[in-house]
């Protein structure tokens, strides 16, 4: 007889499962532009959609790598045979994905590129991709022994309110360098999109729209 789990325990179990799955995929697919995962539970099986910038590398030769990842996830989380299926989905616009940009900045810093030059390169690419604003924060031992933070901003940015959850896409990464660990935080504010593809469909409350109304009057002469 199957034991029934309380709602509180189920939410906690689902959260722990997603956190561990996300950590596994992040470490395994960091070089392939991993940008997040989505878990869909159906009556027949559990579907995991992996979003990445280089989906061909995620799939591997003849789908070999995705099958290996499926096997690892199945054994680790004790899924039944064919109880879990992994899919790869390409990120539509990597310039609007904070995770992809944080990973890109991480590899630039590991390659020895100066912090200021690397951050301005990310800012320029994000703004050219159609973002409304971007903020990059790098903290740690940048040059001297004393740790400090450098903040780079371009465009418009909001920091409070419910719309932060809808408009802001944020990601945090860590870079292990010889002098210590650097922290990277990338925040991208998306532009309003009525179709909901490149941004949220909800309008910002402080957005003022001008409407020109042309009134025509008809005069009748007797």
Protein backbone atom coordinates (compact mmCIF):
# COMPACT_ATOMS: atom_id res chain seq x y z
CA UNK A 1 0.00 0.00 0.00
CA UNK A 2 1.47 3.36 -1.07
CA UNK A 3 1.90 5.91 1.71
CA UNK A 4 0.29 9.30 1.11
CA UNK A 5 2.63 12.29 1.37
CA UNK A 6 1.45 15.58 2.88
CA UNK A 7 1.43 18.68 0.67
CA UNK A 8 4.17 20.33 2.73
CA UNK A 9 6.51 17.35 2.39
CA UNK A 10 5.75 17.09 -1.33
CA UNK A 11 6.66 20.74 -1.95
CA UNK A 12 9.92 20.30 -0.02
CA UNK A 13 10.73 17.05 -1.87
CA UNK A 14 10.03 18.67 -5.26
CA UNK A 15 12.21 21.65 -4.35
CA UNK A 16 15.13 19.45 -3.25
CA UNK A 17 14.78 17.33 -6.42
CA UNK A 18 14.85 20.37 -8.71
CA UNK A 19 17.78 21.98 -6.84
CA UNK A 20 19.89 18.81 -7.08
CA UNK A 21 18.92 18.24 -10.71
CA UNK A 22 19.78 21.84 -11.60
CA UNK A 23 23.18 21.55 -9.86
CA UNK A 24 23.96 18.30 -11.71
CA UNK A 25 23.06 19.74 -15.12
CA UNK A 26 24.85 23.02 -14.37
CA UNK A 27 28.13 21.23 -13.63
CA UNK A 28 27.82 18.80 -16.52
CA UNK A 29 26.62 21.22 -19.23
CA UNK A 30 28.32 24.48 -18.19
CA UNK A 31 30.46 24.60 -21.35
CA UNK A 32 27.43 23.94 -23.56
CA UNK A 33 25.54 27.07 -22.53
CA UNK A 34 23.18 25.48 -19.98
CA UNK A 35 20.45 28.03 -19.21
CA UNK A 36 18.01 26.17 -16.97
CA UNK A 37 15.64 23.22 -16.89
CA UNK A 38 11.90 22.66 -16.70
CA UNK A 39 10.29 19.60 -15.09
CA UNK A 40 6.89 18.41 -16.36
CA UNK A 41 5.20 15.57 -14.49
CA UNK A 42 2.69 13.53 -16.52
CA UNK A 43 0.76 10.40 -15.44
CA UNK A 44 2.99 8.22 -17.63
CA UNK A 45 6.45 9.72 -17.00
CA UNK A 46 8.46 12.76 -15.92
CA UNK A 47 9.75 15.01 -18.69
CA UNK A 48 12.80 17.23 -18.16
CA UNK A 49 13.42 19.96 -20.76
CA UNK A 50 17.02 21.22 -20.76
CA UNK A 51 17.46 24.73 -22.17
CA UNK A 52 20.89 25.44 -23.65
CA UNK A 53 22.54 27.60 -26.30
CA UNK A 54 24.35 24.65 -27.92
CA UNK A 55 21.77 21.87 -28.03
CA UNK A 56 23.79 19.72 -30.43
CA UNK A 57 26.51 19.32 -27.79
CA UNK A 58 23.86 18.43 -25.19
CA UNK A 59 22.41 15.71 -27.43
CA UNK A 60 25.84 14.35 -28.37
CA UNK A 61 26.71 12.14 -31.30
CA UNK A 62 23.56 10.20 -32.33
CA UNK A 63 21.91 11.20 -29.02
CA UNK A 64 24.51 9.39 -26.93
CA UNK A 65 25.08 12.12 -24.33
CA UNK A 66 21.39 12.77 -23.65
CA UNK A 67 20.89 9.01 -23.11
CA UNK A 68 23.79 8.97 -20.64
CA UNK A 69 22.28 11.91 -18.74
CA UNK A 70 18.88 10.17 -18.73
CA UNK A 71 20.48 7.06 -17.24
CA UNK A 72 22.27 9.09 -14.53
CA UNK A 73 19.08 10.96 -13.55
CA UNK A 74 17.06 7.72 -13.54
CA UNK A 75 19.51 5.92 -11.23
CA UNK A 76 20.10 8.88 -8.90
CA UNK A 77 16.43 9.74 -8.32
CA UNK A 78 15.19 6.12 -8.51
CA UNK A 79 12.82 6.52 -11.45
CA UNK A 80 11.28 3.42 -13.00
CA UNK A 81 12.46 2.08 -16.35
CA UNK A 82 11.44 4.66 -19.00
CA UNK A 83 9.91 6.73 -16.20
CA UNK A 84 11.96 9.83 -17.05
CA UNK A 85 12.74 11.43 -20.41
CA UNK A 86 15.22 14.25 -21.15
CA UNK A 87 14.82 16.73 -24.01
CA UNK A 88 17.03 19.59 -25.24
CA UNK A 89 15.59 22.96 -26.20
CA UNK A 90 17.59 25.77 -27.82
CA UNK A 91 17.51 29.20 -26.14
CA UNK A 92 15.75 31.56 -28.56
CA UNK A 93 17.88 34.63 -27.73
CA UNK A 94 20.98 34.00 -25.62
CA UNK A 95 21.53 37.75 -25.26
CA UNK A 96 18.38 37.92 -23.09
CA UNK A 97 19.35 34.91 -20.94
CA UNK A 98 21.20 35.92 -17.76
CA UNK A 99 22.45 32.36 -17.12
CA UNK A 100 24.09 32.16 -20.55
CA UNK A 101 25.69 35.59 -20.10
CA UNK A 102 26.96 34.77 -16.58
CA UNK A 103 28.58 31.58 -17.91
CA UNK A 104 30.06 33.54 -20.83
CA UNK A 105 31.52 36.12 -18.43
CA UNK A 106 32.85 33.34 -16.20
CA UNK A 107 34.81 31.75 -19.06
CA UNK A 108 36.12 35.16 -20.17
CA UNK A 109 37.52 35.80 -16.68
CA UNK A 110 38.99 32.28 -16.50
CA UNK A 111 40.68 33.01 -19.84
CA UNK A 112 42.47 36.01 -18.33
CA UNK A 113 40.43 38.85 -19.88
CA UNK A 114 40.39 42.06 -17.76
CA UNK A 115 37.23 42.42 -15.65
CA UNK A 116 36.20 45.81 -17.01
CA UNK A 117 36.61 44.78 -20.65
CA UNK A 118 34.74 41.47 -20.14
CA UNK A 119 31.81 43.15 -18.34
CA UNK A 120 31.41 45.91 -20.91
CA UNK A 121 31.43 43.26 -23.66
CA UNK A 122 28.54 41.44 -21.93
CA UNK A 123 26.63 44.72 -21.41
CA UNK A 124 26.98 45.68 -25.07
CA UNK A 125 25.87 42.25 -26.31
CA UNK A 126 22.82 42.19 -24.00
CA UNK A 127 21.68 45.68 -25.02
CA UNK A 128 22.16 44.89 -28.72
CA UNK A 129 19.97 41.78 -28.26
CA UNK A 130 16.97 43.93 -27.33
CA UNK A 131 17.09 44.15 -23.52
CA UNK A 132 15.72 47.23 -21.76
CA UNK A 133 18.57 47.30 -19.24
CA UNK A 134 21.41 45.24 -17.78
CA UNK A 135 23.48 45.20 -14.60
CA UNK A 136 26.67 43.21 -13.98
CA UNK A 137 28.30 42.98 -10.52
CA UNK A 138 31.71 41.36 -10.00
CA UNK A 139 32.97 41.08 -6.41
CA UNK A 140 36.14 39.65 -4.88
CA UNK A 141 39.90 40.21 -5.15
CA UNK A 142 39.97 41.90 -8.53
CA UNK A 143 43.50 43.36 -8.51
CA UNK A 144 44.69 44.19 -5.00
CA UNK A 145 44.58 41.98 -1.91
CA UNK A 146 41.52 43.78 -0.57
CA UNK A 147 38.21 42.53 -1.99
CA UNK A 148 35.81 44.99 -3.59
CA UNK A 149 32.80 45.07 -5.88
CA UNK A 150 32.52 46.59 -9.35
CA UNK A 151 29.10 47.39 -10.77
CA UNK A 152 28.42 47.99 -14.46
CA UNK A 153 25.01 49.24 -15.61
CA UNK A 154 23.37 50.18 -18.86
CA UNK A 155 19.78 51.11 -19.65
CA UNK A 156 16.80 50.91 -17.28
CA UNK A 157 16.57 48.75 -14.13
CA UNK A 158 13.97 48.10 -11.41
CA UNK A 159 14.79 46.65 -7.99
CA UNK A 160 11.50 46.30 -6.09
CA UNK A 161 7.90 45.28 -6.53
CA UNK A 162 6.08 42.30 -7.99
CA UNK A 163 7.21 43.15 -11.53
CA UNK A 164 10.80 42.25 -10.57
CA UNK A 165 9.70 38.60 -10.67
CA UNK A 166 8.25 39.05 -14.17
CA UNK A 167 10.73 41.42 -15.82
CA UNK A 168 14.12 40.63 -14.22
CA UNK A 169 16.15 37.59 -15.27
CA UNK A 170 19.07 37.14 -12.83
CA UNK A 171 21.89 34.62 -12.48
CA UNK A 172 24.82 34.15 -10.07
CA UNK A 173 28.07 32.32 -10.81
CA UNK A 174 31.43 31.87 -9.05
CA UNK A 175 34.89 31.92 -10.62
CA UNK A 176 37.80 30.20 -8.89
CA UNK A 177 40.96 32.14 -9.76
CA UNK A 178 44.49 31.99 -8.38
CA UNK A 179 43.98 34.98 -6.07
CA UNK A 180 40.61 33.77 -4.77
CA UNK A 181 36.95 33.37 -5.66
CA UNK A 182 35.11 36.00 -7.69
CA UNK A 183 31.33 36.35 -7.55
CA UNK A 184 29.39 37.25 -10.70
CA UNK A 185 25.81 38.50 -10.77
CA UNK A 186 24.03 39.35 -14.04
CA UNK A 187 20.60 41.02 -14.06
CA UNK A 188 18.72 41.64 -17.31
CA UNK A 189 15.43 43.54 -17.53
CA UNK A 190 13.39 42.36 -20.49
CA UNK A 191 11.32 44.62 -22.69
CA UNK A 192 7.53 44.39 -22.88
CA UNK A 193 6.32 41.95 -25.53
CA UNK A 194 2.57 41.71 -26.31
CA UNK A 195 3.11 38.16 -27.63
CA UNK A 196 5.05 37.04 -24.52
CA UNK A 197 7.96 35.49 -26.44
CA UNK A 198 10.88 37.89 -25.84
CA UNK A 199 9.49 39.40 -22.62
CA UNK A 200 6.52 39.61 -20.25
CA UNK A 201 3.04 40.55 -21.47
CA UNK A 202 2.34 42.72 -18.39
CA UNK A 203 2.91 46.44 -18.90
CA UNK A 204 4.97 48.41 -16.39
CA UNK A 205 2.63 50.54 -14.21
CA UNK A 206 4.66 53.75 -14.71
CA UNK A 207 4.61 53.44 -18.51
CA UNK A 208 2.86 56.43 -20.05
CA UNK A 209 1.30 55.95 -23.48
CA UNK A 210 0.29 58.90 -25.63
CA UNK A 211 -2.85 58.61 -27.70
CA UNK A 212 -3.72 61.13 -30.36
CA UNK A 213 -7.47 61.45 -30.82
CA UNK A 214 -8.69 63.28 -33.90
CA UNK A 215 -12.17 64.71 -33.47
CA UNK A 216 -14.04 65.74 -36.59
CA UNK A 217 -17.12 67.92 -36.24
CA UNK A 218 -19.76 68.12 -38.91
CA UNK A 219 -21.51 71.44 -39.39
CA UNK A 220 -24.83 71.65 -41.15
CA UNK A 221 -25.71 74.92 -42.78
CA UNK A 222 -29.33 75.82 -43.43
